[in-house]
Amino acid sequence: MRPFCSVHVGAKVALAAAALLLAQSVTAQIQWPRTAWPASTPQAVGLDAQALAELDSDIAAGKYGYVDSMLVIRGGQLVYERSYRHDYDRIYGDDGAAPGPAHFRGPPGPYNYFDPWWHPF
């Protein structure tokens, strides 16, 4: 009989160990911030600034729906950050005022996205 289970389990253990060693080496190179990410530029960390600017433009134009923010961190440095404001009261207007599939009409709380106290935008 072939020891299928032991080979399969052994492969999983080897993959997990390799992932752990890789994570430890990456973590050792990056200094994680305590209060804020150190800033850099896309070019300094090997990213295409033009591609990020085009993605930013597409998001701002609504190509990908209602995206609220984009944050790019590479090598432990903040290299790109943008926020996009949407008037959700206007966008969802009537849907937010009446019970329906668009939201949960239960007690107010962080998962009721039409509750302006939890989600003011």
PDB file of N, CA and C in Angstrom:
ATOM      1  N   MET A   1       0.842  -1.176   0.000  1.00  0.00           N
ATOM      2  CA  MET A   1       0.000   0.000   0.000  1.00  0.00           C
ATOM      3  C   MET A   1       0.892   1.246   0.000  1.00  0.00           C
ATOM      4  N   ARG A   2       0.521   2.233  -0.799  1.00  0.00           N
ATOM      5  CA  ARG A   2       1.301   3.476  -0.889  1.00  0.00           C
ATOM      6  C   ARG A   2       1.027   4.390   0.304  1.00  0.00           C
ATOM      7  N   PRO A   3       2.050   5.000   0.902  1.00  0.00           N
ATOM      8  CA  PRO A   3       1.832   5.904   2.041  1.00  0.00           C
ATOM      9  C   PRO A   3       1.399   7.295   1.556  1.00  0.00           C
ATOM     10  N   PHE A   4       0.231   7.380   0.873  1.00  0.00           N
ATOM     11  CA  PHE A   4      -0.256   8.634   0.300  1.00  0.00           C
ATOM     12  C   PHE A   4      -0.406   9.715   1.372  1.00  0.00           C
ATOM     13  N   CYS A   5      -1.013   9.350   2.488  1.00  0.00           N
ATOM     14  CA  CYS A   5      -1.275  10.335   3.536  1.00  0.00           C
ATOM     15  C   CYS A   5       0.005  10.935   4.093  1.00  0.00           C
ATOM     16  N   SER A   6       0.981  10.121   4.379  1.00  0.00           N
ATOM     17  CA  SER A   6       2.203  10.644   4.979  1.00  0.00           C
ATOM     18  C   SER A   6       2.965  11.524   3.996  1.00  0.00           C
ATOM     19  N   VAL A   7       2.958  11.173   2.712  1.00  0.00           N
ATOM     20  CA  VAL A   7       3.625  12.019   1.714  1.00  0.00           C
ATOM     21  C   VAL A   7       2.897  13.339   1.596  1.00  0.00           C
ATOM     22  N   HIS A   8       1.572  13.286   1.549  1.00  0.00           N
ATOM     23  CA  HIS A   8       0.763  14.491   1.417  1.00  0.00           C
ATOM     24  C   HIS A   8       0.955  15.412   2.626  1.00  0.00           C
ATOM     25  N   VAL A   9       0.905  14.840   3.827  1.00  0.00           N
ATOM     26  CA  VAL A   9       1.108  15.615   5.046  1.00  0.00           C
ATOM     27  C   VAL A   9       2.527  16.164   5.099  1.00  0.00           C
ATOM     28  N   GLY A  10       3.506  15.339   4.695  1.00  0.00           N
ATOM     29  CA  GLY A  10       4.891  15.795   4.691  1.00  0.00           C
ATOM     30  C   GLY A  10       5.093  16.980   3.759  1.00  0.00           C
ATOM     31  N   ALA A  11       4.442  16.971   2.607  1.00  0.00           N
ATOM     32  CA  ALA A  11       4.545  18.086   1.662  1.00  0.00           C
ATOM     33  C   ALA A  11       3.932  19.349   2.255  1.00  0.00           C
ATOM     34  N   LYS A  12       2.819  19.196   2.950  1.00  0.00           N
ATOM     35  CA  LYS A  12       2.181  20.359   3.585  1.00  0.00           C
ATOM     36  C   LYS A  12       3.087  20.950   4.659  1.00  0.00           C
ATOM     37  N   VAL A  13       3.704  20.095   5.448  1.00  0.00           N
ATOM     38  CA  VAL A  13       4.600  20.563   6.506  1.00  0.00           C
ATOM     39  C   VAL A  13       5.802  21.279   5.890  1.00  0.00           C
ATOM     40  N   ALA A  14       6.354  20.732   4.825  1.00  0.00           N
ATOM     41  CA  ALA A  14       7.500  21.366   4.160  1.00  0.00           C
ATOM     42  C   ALA A  14       7.116  22.722   3.589  1.00  0.00           C
ATOM     43  N   LEU A  15       5.944  22.822   2.973  1.00  0.00           N
ATOM     44  CA  LEU A  15       5.484  24.110   2.431  1.00  0.00           C
ATOM     45  C   LEU A  15       5.269  25.124   3.547  1.00  0.00           C
ATOM     46  N   ALA A  16       4.677  24.689   4.647  1.00  0.00           N
ATOM     47  CA  ALA A  16       4.445  25.592   5.772  1.00  0.00           C
ATOM     48  C   ALA A  16       5.762  26.088   6.355  1.00  0.00           C
ATOM     49  N   ALA A  17       6.739  25.205   6.471  1.00  0.00           N
ATOM     50  CA  ALA A  17       8.047  25.595   7.005  1.00  0.00           C
ATOM     51  C   ALA A  17       8.736  26.590   6.065  1.00  0.00           C
ATOM     52  N   ALA A  18       8.638  26.338   4.752  1.00  0.00           N
ATOM     53  CA  ALA A  18       9.245  27.258   3.781  1.00  0.00           C
ATOM     54  C   ALA A  18       8.584  28.626   3.849  1.00  0.00           C
ATOM     55  N   ALA A  19       7.251  28.648   3.968  1.00  0.00           N
ATOM     56  CA  ALA A  19       6.534  29.919   4.069  1.00  0.00           C
ATOM     57  C   ALA A  19       6.938  30.667   5.333  1.00  0.00           C
ATOM     58  N   LEU A  20       7.097  29.954   6.436  1.00  0.00           N
ATOM     59  CA  LEU A  20       7.502  30.577   7.691  1.00  0.00           C
ATOM     60  C   LEU A  20       8.899  31.173   7.583  1.00  0.00           C
ATOM     61  N   LEU A  21       9.831  30.445   6.990  1.00  0.00           N
ATOM     62  CA  LEU A  21      11.191  30.963   6.825  1.00  0.00           C
ATOM     63  C   LEU A  21      11.207  32.192   5.924  1.00  0.00           C
ATOM     64  N   LEU A  22      10.425  32.171   4.841  1.00  0.00           N
ATOM     65  CA  LEU A  22      10.345  33.319   3.946  1.00  0.00           C
ATOM     66  C   LEU A  22       9.749  34.520   4.667  1.00  0.00           C
ATOM     67  N   ALA A  23       8.683  34.303   5.427  1.00  0.00           N
ATOM     68  CA  ALA A  23       8.053  35.398   6.157  1.00  0.00           C
ATOM     69  C   ALA A  23       9.019  35.995   7.177  1.00  0.00           C
ATOM     70  N   GLN A  24       9.791  35.153   7.847  1.00  0.00           N
ATOM     71  CA  GLN A  24      10.748  35.661   8.825  1.00  0.00           C
ATOM     72  C   GLN A  24      11.839  36.475   8.156  1.00  0.00           C
ATOM     73  N   SER A  25      12.322  36.058   6.987  1.00  0.00           N
ATOM     74  CA  SER A  25      13.379  36.819   6.329  1.00  0.00           C
ATOM     75  C   SER A  25      12.862  38.146   5.811  1.00  0.00           C
ATOM     76  N   VAL A  26      11.627  38.177   5.291  1.00  0.00           N
ATOM     77  CA  VAL A  26      11.038  39.435   4.814  1.00  0.00           C
ATOM     78  C   VAL A  26      10.792  40.365   5.988  1.00  0.00           C
ATOM     79  N   THR A  27      10.237  39.833   7.086  1.00  0.00           N
ATOM     80  CA  THR A  27       9.953  40.645   8.258  1.00  0.00           C
ATOM     81  C   THR A  27      11.233  41.209   8.860  1.00  0.00           C
ATOM     82  N   ALA A  28      12.300  40.456   8.819  1.00  0.00           N
ATOM     83  CA  ALA A  28      13.560  40.933   9.384  1.00  0.00           C
ATOM     84  C   ALA A  28      14.104  42.118   8.593  1.00  0.00           C
ATOM     85  N   GLN A  29      13.804  42.222   7.297  1.00  0.00           N
ATOM     86  CA  GLN A  29      14.306  43.310   6.466  1.00  0.00           C
ATOM     87  C   GLN A  29      13.465  44.572   6.592  1.00  0.00           C
ATOM     88  N   ILE A  30      12.192  44.449   6.953  1.00  0.00           N
ATOM     89  CA  ILE A  30      11.283  45.585   7.019  1.00  0.00           C
ATOM     90  C   ILE A  30      11.137  46.042   8.463  1.00  0.00           C
ATOM     91  N   GLN A  31      11.296  47.327   8.686  1.00  0.00           N
ATOM     92  CA  GLN A  31      11.084  47.887  10.008  1.00  0.00           C
ATOM     93  C   GLN A  31       9.628  48.347  10.092  1.00  0.00           C
ATOM     94  N   TRP A  32       8.800  47.611  10.814  1.00  0.00           N
ATOM     95  CA  TRP A  32       7.390  47.958  10.903  1.00  0.00           C
ATOM     96  C   TRP A  32       7.226  49.193  11.780  1.00  0.00           C
ATOM     97  N   PRO A  33       6.444  50.168  11.312  1.00  0.00           N
ATOM     98  CA  PRO A  33       6.303  51.429  12.057  1.00  0.00           C
ATOM     99  C   PRO A  33       5.434  51.273  13.293  1.00  0.00           C
ATOM    100  N   ARG A  34       5.664  52.140  14.232  1.00  0.00           N
ATOM    101  CA  ARG A  34       4.838  52.144  15.432  1.00  0.00           C
ATOM    102  C   ARG A  34       3.711  53.171  15.322  1.00  0.00           C
ATOM    103  N   THR A  35       3.927  54.265  14.614  1.00  0.00           N
ATOM    104  CA  THR A  35       2.880  55.288  14.494  1.00  0.00           C
ATOM    105  C   THR A  35       2.500  55.585  13.047  1.00  0.00           C
ATOM    106  N   ALA A  36       3.433  55.548  12.126  1.00  0.00           N
ATOM    107  CA  ALA A  36       3.133  55.849  10.725  1.00  0.00           C
ATOM    108  C   ALA A  36       4.161  55.170   9.823  1.00  0.00           C
ATOM    109  N   TRP A  37       3.752  54.884   8.596  1.00  0.00           N
ATOM    110  CA  TRP A  37       4.671  54.298   7.621  1.00  0.00           C
ATOM    111  C   TRP A  37       5.635  55.374   7.140  1.00  0.00           C
ATOM    112  N   PRO A  38       6.912  55.064   7.006  1.00  0.00           N
ATOM    113  CA  PRO A  38       7.820  56.032   6.396  1.00  0.00           C
ATOM    114  C   PRO A  38       7.432  56.215   4.931  1.00  0.00           C
ATOM    115  N   ALA A  39       7.519  57.434   4.431  1.00  0.00           N
ATOM    116  CA  ALA A  39       7.094  57.734   3.064  1.00  0.00           C
ATOM    117  C   ALA A  39       8.244  57.592   2.075  1.00  0.00           C
ATOM    118  N   SER A  40       7.878  57.247   0.849  1.00  0.00           N
ATOM    119  CA  SER A  40       8.831  57.155  -0.248  1.00  0.00           C
ATOM    120  C   SER A  40       8.080  57.472  -1.533  1.00  0.00           C
ATOM    121  N   THR A  41       8.712  57.256  -2.661  1.00  0.00           N
ATOM    122  CA  THR A  41       8.075  57.471  -3.953  1.00  0.00           C
ATOM    123  C   THR A  41       7.940  56.133  -4.662  1.00  0.00           C
ATOM    124  N   PRO A  42       6.992  56.019  -5.584  1.00  0.00           N
ATOM    125  CA  PRO A  42       6.862  54.764  -6.325  1.00  0.00           C
ATOM    126  C   PRO A  42       8.165  54.380  -7.039  1.00  0.00           C
ATOM    127  N   GLN A  43       8.828  55.352  -7.657  1.00  0.00           N
ATOM    128  CA  GLN A  43      10.053  55.062  -8.401  1.00  0.00           C
ATOM    129  C   GLN A  43      11.147  54.510  -7.492  1.00  0.00           C
ATOM    130  N   ALA A  44      11.234  55.026  -6.285  1.00  0.00           N
ATOM    131  CA  ALA A  44      12.297  54.607  -5.366  1.00  0.00           C
ATOM    132  C   ALA A  44      12.172  53.146  -4.943  1.00  0.00           C
ATOM    133  N   VAL A  45      10.959  52.593  -5.021  1.00  0.00           N
ATOM    134  CA  VAL A  45      10.765  51.198  -4.624  1.00  0.00           C
ATOM    135  C   VAL A  45      10.458  50.299  -5.821  1.00  0.00           C
ATOM    136  N   GLY A  46      10.716  50.803  -7.022  1.00  0.00           N
ATOM    137  CA  GLY A  46      10.582  49.992  -8.222  1.00  0.00           C
ATOM    138  C   GLY A  46       9.179  49.871  -8.786  1.00  0.00           C
ATOM    139  N   LEU A  47       8.298  50.835  -8.486  1.00  0.00           N
ATOM    140  CA  LEU A  47       6.949  50.816  -9.037  1.00  0.00           C
ATOM    141  C   LEU A  47       6.811  51.851 -10.149  1.00  0.00           C
ATOM    142  N   ASP A  48       5.893  51.616 -11.053  1.00  0.00           N
ATOM    143  CA  ASP A  48       5.630  52.508 -12.174  1.00  0.00           C
ATOM    144  C   ASP A  48       4.660  53.605 -11.727  1.00  0.00           C
ATOM    145  N   ALA A  49       5.158  54.811 -11.545  1.00  0.00           N
ATOM    146  CA  ALA A  49       4.332  55.925 -11.084  1.00  0.00           C
ATOM    147  C   ALA A  49       3.221  56.244 -12.080  1.00  0.00           C
ATOM    148  N   GLN A  50       3.489  56.107 -13.356  1.00  0.00           N
ATOM    149  CA  GLN A  50       2.479  56.387 -14.379  1.00  0.00           C
ATOM    150  C   GLN A  50       1.320  55.392 -14.286  1.00  0.00           C
ATOM    151  N   ALA A  51       1.625  54.130 -14.049  1.00  0.00           N
ATOM    152  CA  ALA A  51       0.577  53.116 -13.910  1.00  0.00           C
ATOM    153  C   ALA A  51      -0.295  53.407 -12.689  1.00  0.00           C
ATOM    154  N   LEU A  52       0.322  53.832 -11.585  1.00  0.00           N
ATOM    155  CA  LEU A  52      -0.455  54.190 -10.396  1.00  0.00           C
ATOM    156  C   LEU A  52      -1.326  55.412 -10.666  1.00  0.00           C
ATOM    157  N   ALA A  53      -0.791  56.402 -11.386  1.00  0.00           N
ATOM    158  CA  ALA A  53      -1.557  57.603 -11.713  1.00  0.00           C
ATOM    159  C   ALA A  53      -2.750  57.256 -12.613  1.00  0.00           C
ATOM    160  N   GLU A  54      -2.558  56.340 -13.550  1.00  0.00           N
ATOM    161  CA  GLU A  54      -3.657  55.918 -14.425  1.00  0.00           C
ATOM    162  C   GLU A  54      -4.727  55.158 -13.632  1.00  0.00           C
ATOM    163  N   LEU A  55      -4.294  54.294 -12.713  1.00  0.00           N
ATOM    164  CA  LEU A  55      -5.239  53.579 -11.860  1.00  0.00           C
ATOM    165  C   LEU A  55      -6.009  54.572 -10.995  1.00  0.00           C
ATOM    166  N   ASP A  56      -5.313  55.554 -10.437  1.00  0.00           N
ATOM    167  CA  ASP A  56      -5.945  56.597  -9.636  1.00  0.00           C
ATOM    168  C   ASP A  56      -7.004  57.334 -10.458  1.00  0.00           C
ATOM    169  N   SER A  57      -6.677  57.671 -11.682  1.00  0.00           N
ATOM    170  CA  SER A  57      -7.612  58.368 -12.561  1.00  0.00           C
ATOM    171  C   SER A  57      -8.840  57.507 -12.854  1.00  0.00           C
ATOM    172  N   ASP A  58      -8.637  56.223 -13.114  1.00  0.00           N
ATOM    173  CA  ASP A  58      -9.755  55.316 -13.378  1.00  0.00           C
ATOM    174  C   ASP A  58     -10.659  55.172 -12.156  1.00  0.00           C
ATOM    175  N   ILE A  59     -10.063  55.060 -10.978  1.00  0.00           N
ATOM    176  CA  ILE A  59     -10.855  54.941  -9.748  1.00  0.00           C
ATOM    177  C   ILE A  59     -11.652  56.216  -9.526  1.00  0.00           C
ATOM    178  N   ALA A  60     -11.013  57.376  -9.678  1.00  0.00           N
ATOM    179  CA  ALA A  60     -11.685  58.661  -9.483  1.00  0.00           C
ATOM    180  C   ALA A  60     -12.842  58.838 -10.473  1.00  0.00           C
ATOM    181  N   ALA A  61     -12.708  58.263 -11.669  1.00  0.00           N
ATOM    182  CA  ALA A  61     -13.762  58.357 -12.687  1.00  0.00           C
ATOM    183  C   ALA A  61     -14.881  57.348 -12.453  1.00  0.00           C
ATOM    184  N   GLY A  62     -14.731  56.462 -11.472  1.00  0.00           N
ATOM    185  CA  GLY A  62     -15.769  55.488 -11.159  1.00  0.00           C
ATOM    186  C   GLY A  62     -15.706  54.207 -11.960  1.00  0.00           C
ATOM    187  N   LYS A  63     -14.604  53.944 -12.626  1.00  0.00           N
ATOM    188  CA  LYS A  63     -14.477  52.753 -13.462  1.00  0.00           C
ATOM    189  C   LYS A  63     -14.623  51.459 -12.661  1.00  0.00           C
ATOM    190  N   TYR A  64     -14.240  51.474 -11.387  1.00  0.00           N
ATOM    191  CA  TYR A  64     -14.283  50.275 -10.556  1.00  0.00           C
ATOM    192  C   TYR A  64     -15.335  50.360  -9.448  1.00  0.00           C
ATOM    193  N   GLY A  65     -16.343  51.182  -9.642  1.00  0.00           N
ATOM    194  CA  GLY A  65     -17.394  51.316  -8.636  1.00  0.00           C
ATOM    195  C   GLY A  65     -17.011  52.318  -7.568  1.00  0.00           C
ATOM    196  N   TYR A  66     -17.586  52.136  -6.406  1.00  0.00           N
ATOM    197  CA  TYR A  66     -17.369  53.081  -5.311  1.00  0.00           C
ATOM    198  C   TYR A  66     -16.179  52.652  -4.456  1.00  0.00           C
ATOM    199  N   VAL A  67     -15.007  53.013  -4.867  1.00  0.00           N
ATOM    200  CA  VAL A  67     -13.788  52.754  -4.106  1.00  0.00           C
ATOM    201  C   VAL A  67     -13.563  53.969  -3.205  1.00  0.00           C
ATOM    202  N   ASP A  68     -13.346  53.746  -1.923  1.00  0.00           N
ATOM    203  CA  ASP A  68     -13.167  54.851  -0.989  1.00  0.00           C
ATOM    204  C   ASP A  68     -11.716  55.266  -0.822  1.00  0.00           C
ATOM    205  N   SER A  69     -10.781  54.342  -0.976  1.00  0.00           N
ATOM    206  CA  SER A  69      -9.378  54.723  -0.825  1.00  0.00           C
ATOM    207  C   SER A  69      -8.467  53.689  -1.473  1.00  0.00           C
ATOM    208  N   MET A  70      -7.248  54.126  -1.751  1.00  0.00           N
ATOM    209  CA  MET A  70      -6.214  53.238  -2.280  1.00  0.00           C
ATOM    210  C   MET A  70      -4.935  53.542  -1.511  1.00  0.00           C
ATOM    211  N   LEU A  71      -4.293  52.504  -1.026  1.00  0.00           N
ATOM    212  CA  LEU A  71      -3.070  52.638  -0.256  1.00  0.00           C
ATOM    213  C   LEU A  71      -2.073  51.614  -0.776  1.00  0.00           C
ATOM    214  N   VAL A  72      -0.880  52.078  -1.133  1.00  0.00           N
ATOM    215  CA  VAL A  72       0.164  51.178  -1.621  1.00  0.00           C
ATOM    216  C   VAL A  72       1.363  51.302  -0.696  1.00  0.00           C
ATOM    217  N   ILE A  73       1.726  50.164  -0.098  1.00  0.00           N
ATOM    218  CA  ILE A  73       2.904  50.090   0.769  1.00  0.00           C
ATOM    219  C   ILE A  73       3.809  49.038   0.162  1.00  0.00           C
ATOM    220  N   ARG A  74       5.051  49.398  -0.047  1.00  0.00           N
ATOM    221  CA  ARG A  74       6.007  48.432  -0.610  1.00  0.00           C
ATOM    222  C   ARG A  74       7.317  48.544   0.152  1.00  0.00           C
ATOM    223  N   GLY A  75       7.829  47.413   0.545  1.00  0.00           N
ATOM    224  CA  GLY A  75       9.091  47.388   1.281  1.00  0.00           C
ATOM    225  C   GLY A  75       9.031  48.165   2.578  1.00  0.00           C
ATOM    226  N   GLY A  76       7.857  48.204   3.214  1.00  0.00           N
ATOM    227  CA  GLY A  76       7.725  48.903   4.484  1.00  0.00           C
ATOM    228  C   GLY A  76       7.629  50.411   4.348  1.00  0.00           C
ATOM    229  N   GLN A  77       7.377  50.914   3.130  1.00  0.00           N
ATOM    230  CA  GLN A  77       7.273  52.359   2.911  1.00  0.00           C
ATOM    231  C   GLN A  77       5.969  52.690   2.199  1.00  0.00           C
ATOM    232  N   LEU A  78       5.318  53.738   2.654  1.00  0.00           N
ATOM    233  CA  LEU A  78       4.109  54.205   2.012  1.00  0.00           C
ATOM    234  C   LEU A  78       4.501  54.958   0.750  1.00  0.00           C
ATOM    235  N   VAL A  79       4.025  54.468  -0.396  1.00  0.00           N
ATOM    236  CA  VAL A  79       4.445  55.086  -1.657  1.00  0.00           C
ATOM    237  C   VAL A  79       3.297  55.719  -2.426  1.00  0.00           C
ATOM    238  N   TYR A  80       2.054  55.409  -2.057  1.00  0.00           N
ATOM    239  CA  TYR A  80       0.925  55.999  -2.786  1.00  0.00           C
ATOM    240  C   TYR A  80      -0.321  55.902  -1.922  1.00  0.00           C
ATOM    241  N   GLU A  81      -1.022  57.017  -1.765  1.00  0.00           N
ATOM    242  CA  GLU A  81      -2.242  57.017  -0.960  1.00  0.00           C
ATOM    243  C   GLU A  81      -3.209  58.040  -1.535  1.00  0.00           C
ATOM    244  N   ARG A  82      -4.429  57.604  -1.794  1.00  0.00           N
ATOM    245  CA  ARG A  82      -5.471  58.484  -2.311  1.00  0.00           C
ATOM    246  C   ARG A  82      -6.791  58.132  -1.642  1.00  0.00           C
ATOM    247  N   SER A  83      -7.653  59.135  -1.481  1.00  0.00           N
ATOM    248  CA  SER A  83      -9.009  58.940  -0.972  1.00  0.00           C
ATOM    249  C   SER A  83      -9.987  59.489  -1.997  1.00  0.00           C
ATOM    250  N   TYR A  84     -11.143  58.855  -2.081  1.00  0.00           N
ATOM    251  CA  TYR A  84     -12.167  59.245  -3.040  1.00  0.00           C
ATOM    252  C   TYR A  84     -13.475  59.436  -2.283  1.00  0.00           C
ATOM    253  N   ARG A  85     -14.009  60.624  -2.330  1.00  0.00           N
ATOM    254  CA  ARG A  85     -15.238  60.928  -1.590  1.00  0.00           C
ATOM    255  C   ARG A  85     -16.453  60.638  -2.461  1.00  0.00           C
ATOM    256  N   HIS A  86     -17.442  60.030  -1.833  1.00  0.00           N
ATOM    257  CA  HIS A  86     -18.712  59.755  -2.501  1.00  0.00           C
ATOM    258  C   HIS A  86     -19.831  60.234  -1.583  1.00  0.00           C
ATOM    259  N   ASP A  87     -20.844  60.825  -2.144  1.00  0.00           N
ATOM    260  CA  ASP A  87     -22.011  61.264  -1.382  1.00  0.00           C
ATOM    261  C   ASP A  87     -23.007  60.108  -1.333  1.00  0.00           C
ATOM    262  N   TYR A  88     -22.808  59.206  -0.380  1.00  0.00           N
ATOM    263  CA  TYR A  88     -23.640  58.010  -0.304  1.00  0.00           C
ATOM    264  C   TYR A  88     -25.099  58.332   0.028  1.00  0.00           C
ATOM    265  N   ASP A  89     -25.353  59.452   0.721  1.00  0.00           N
ATOM    266  CA  ASP A  89     -26.743  59.852   0.959  1.00  0.00           C
ATOM    267  C   ASP A  89     -27.445  60.118  -0.368  1.00  0.00           C
ATOM    268  N   ARG A  90     -26.765  60.770  -1.275  1.00  0.00           N
ATOM    269  CA  ARG A  90     -27.347  61.052  -2.584  1.00  0.00           C
ATOM    270  C   ARG A  90     -27.423  59.777  -3.426  1.00  0.00           C
ATOM    271  N   ILE A  91     -26.347  59.000  -3.402  1.00  0.00           N
ATOM    272  CA  ILE A  91     -26.279  57.794  -4.230  1.00  0.00           C
ATOM    273  C   ILE A  91     -27.355  56.790  -3.849  1.00  0.00           C
ATOM    274  N   TYR A  92     -27.537  56.551  -2.549  1.00  0.00           N
ATOM    275  CA  TYR A  92     -28.481  55.536  -2.094  1.00  0.00           C
ATOM    276  C   TYR A  92     -29.819  56.107  -1.654  1.00  0.00           C
ATOM    277  N   GLY A  93     -29.920  57.438  -1.589  1.00  0.00           N
ATOM    278  CA  GLY A  93     -31.143  58.160  -1.228  1.00  0.00           C
ATOM    279  C   GLY A  93     -32.290  57.325  -0.722  1.00  0.00           C
ATOM    280  N   ASP A  94     -33.203  56.934  -1.616  1.00  0.00           N
ATOM    281  CA  ASP A  94     -34.421  56.211  -1.231  1.00  0.00           C
ATOM    282  C   ASP A  94     -34.132  54.813  -0.690  1.00  0.00           C
ATOM    283  N   ASP A  95     -33.090  54.171  -1.192  1.00  0.00           N
ATOM    284  CA  ASP A  95     -32.765  52.823  -0.708  1.00  0.00           C
ATOM    285  C   ASP A  95     -32.422  52.827   0.772  1.00  0.00           C
ATOM    286  N   GLY A  96     -31.824  53.901   1.253  1.00  0.00           N
ATOM    287  CA  GLY A  96     -31.441  53.975   2.657  1.00  0.00           C
ATOM    288  C   GLY A  96     -32.601  54.301   3.572  1.00  0.00           C
ATOM    289  N   ALA A  97     -33.693  54.816   3.007  1.00  0.00           N
ATOM    290  CA  ALA A  97     -34.826  55.219   3.831  1.00  0.00           C
ATOM    291  C   ALA A  97     -35.885  54.134   3.963  1.00  0.00           C
ATOM    292  N   ALA A  98     -35.903  53.169   3.074  1.00  0.00           N
ATOM    293  CA  ALA A  98     -36.949  52.147   3.087  1.00  0.00           C
ATOM    294  C   ALA A  98     -36.341  50.763   3.267  1.00  0.00           C
ATOM    295  N   PRO A  99     -37.044  49.869   3.990  1.00  0.00           N
ATOM    296  CA  PRO A  99     -36.551  48.507   4.124  1.00  0.00           C
ATOM    297  C   PRO A  99     -36.452  47.833   2.752  1.00  0.00           C
ATOM    298  N   GLY A 100     -35.445  47.027   2.590  1.00  0.00           N
ATOM    299  CA  GLY A 100     -35.277  46.343   1.322  1.00  0.00           C
ATOM    300  C   GLY A 100     -33.982  45.571   1.287  1.00  0.00           C
ATOM    301  N   PRO A 101     -33.642  45.004   0.127  1.00  0.00           N
ATOM    302  CA  PRO A 101     -32.441  44.175   0.034  1.00  0.00           C
ATOM    303  C   PRO A 101     -31.144  44.964   0.138  1.00  0.00           C
ATOM    304  N   ALA A 102     -31.213  46.289   0.039  1.00  0.00           N
ATOM    305  CA  ALA A 102     -29.988  47.087   0.054  1.00  0.00           C
ATOM    306  C   ALA A 102     -29.394  47.221   1.443  1.00  0.00           C
ATOM    307  N   HIS A 103     -30.132  46.924   2.486  1.00  0.00           N
ATOM    308  CA  HIS A 103     -29.580  47.073   3.836  1.00  0.00           C
ATOM    309  C   HIS A 103     -30.399  46.287   4.856  1.00  0.00           C
ATOM    310  N   PHE A 104     -29.852  46.210   6.030  1.00  0.00           N
ATOM    311  CA  PHE A 104     -30.477  45.510   7.145  1.00  0.00           C
ATOM    312  C   PHE A 104     -31.154  46.549   8.033  1.00  0.00           C
ATOM    313  N   ARG A 105     -32.470  46.430   8.198  1.00  0.00           N
ATOM    314  CA  ARG A 105     -33.200  47.384   9.037  1.00  0.00           C
ATOM    315  C   ARG A 105     -33.331  46.833  10.455  1.00  0.00           C
ATOM    316  N   GLY A 106     -32.233  46.630  11.094  1.00  0.00           N
ATOM    317  CA  GLY A 106     -32.248  46.143  12.462  1.00  0.00           C
ATOM    318  C   GLY A 106     -31.779  47.246  13.384  1.00  0.00           C
ATOM    319  N   PRO A 107     -31.314  46.875  14.538  1.00  0.00           N
ATOM    320  CA  PRO A 107     -30.806  47.889  15.459  1.00  0.00           C
ATOM    321  C   PRO A 107     -29.590  48.589  14.850  1.00  0.00           C
ATOM    322  N   PRO A 108     -29.394  49.861  15.180  1.00  0.00           N
ATOM    323  CA  PRO A 108     -28.228  50.564  14.623  1.00  0.00           C
ATOM    324  C   PRO A 108     -26.934  49.896  15.063  1.00  0.00           C
ATOM    325  N   GLY A 109     -25.949  49.944  14.217  1.00  0.00           N
ATOM    326  CA  GLY A 109     -24.667  49.337  14.537  1.00  0.00           C
ATOM    327  C   GLY A 109     -23.716  49.430  13.372  1.00  0.00           C
ATOM    328  N   PRO A 110     -22.512  48.940  13.545  1.00  0.00           N
ATOM    329  CA  PRO A 110     -21.478  49.126  12.529  1.00  0.00           C
ATOM    330  C   PRO A 110     -21.743  48.410  11.217  1.00  0.00           C
ATOM    331  N   TYR A 111     -22.694  47.456  11.182  1.00  0.00           N
ATOM    332  CA  TYR A 111     -22.954  46.746   9.938  1.00  0.00           C
ATOM    333  C   TYR A 111     -24.176  47.281   9.205  1.00  0.00           C
ATOM    334  N   ASN A 112     -24.815  48.311   9.746  1.00  0.00           N
ATOM    335  CA  ASN A 112     -25.913  48.973   9.054  1.00  0.00           C
ATOM    336  C   ASN A 112     -25.298  50.160   8.316  1.00  0.00           C
ATOM    337  N   TYR A 113     -25.001  49.963   7.038  1.00  0.00           N
ATOM    338  CA  TYR A 113     -24.259  50.958   6.275  1.00  0.00           C
ATOM    339  C   TYR A 113     -25.064  52.208   5.954  1.00  0.00           C
ATOM    340  N   PHE A 114     -26.350  52.218   6.297  1.00  0.00           N
ATOM    341  CA  PHE A 114     -27.155  53.412   6.092  1.00  0.00           C
ATOM    342  C   PHE A 114     -27.331  54.199   7.381  1.00  0.00           C
ATOM    343  N   ASP A 115     -26.670  53.789   8.439  1.00  0.00           N
ATOM    344  CA  ASP A 115     -26.704  54.514   9.698  1.00  0.00           C
ATOM    345  C   ASP A 115     -25.614  55.580   9.647  1.00  0.00           C
ATOM    346  N   PRO A 116     -25.980  56.863   9.555  1.00  0.00           N
ATOM    347  CA  PRO A 116     -24.975  57.918   9.360  1.00  0.00           C
ATOM    348  C   PRO A 116     -24.024  58.109  10.547  1.00  0.00           C
ATOM    349  N   TRP A 117     -24.388  57.594  11.723  1.00  0.00           N
ATOM    350  CA  TRP A 117     -23.472  57.726  12.848  1.00  0.00           C
ATOM    351  C   TRP A 117     -22.240  56.832  12.625  1.00  0.00           C
ATOM    352  N   TRP A 118     -22.477  55.589  12.130  1.00  0.00           N
ATOM    353  CA  TRP A 118     -21.379  54.650  11.913  1.00  0.00           C
ATOM    354  C   TRP A 118     -20.672  54.923  10.590  1.00  0.00           C
ATOM    355  N   HIS A 119     -21.415  55.356   9.589  1.00  0.00           N
ATOM    356  CA  HIS A 119     -20.872  55.565   8.243  1.00  0.00           C
ATOM    357  C   HIS A 119     -21.300  56.945   7.745  1.00  0.00           C
ATOM    358  N   PRO A 120     -20.627  58.003   8.174  1.00  0.00           N
ATOM    359  CA  PRO A 120     -21.084  59.363   7.871  1.00  0.00           C
ATOM    360  C   PRO A 120     -21.005  59.755   6.404  1.00  0.00           C
ATOM    361  N   PHE A 121     -20.315  59.014   5.582  1.00  0.00           N
ATOM    362  CA  PHE A 121     -20.203  59.410   4.184  1.00  0.00           C
ATOM    363  C   PHE A 121     -21.100  58.562   3.331  1.00  0.00           C
TER     364      PHE A 121
END
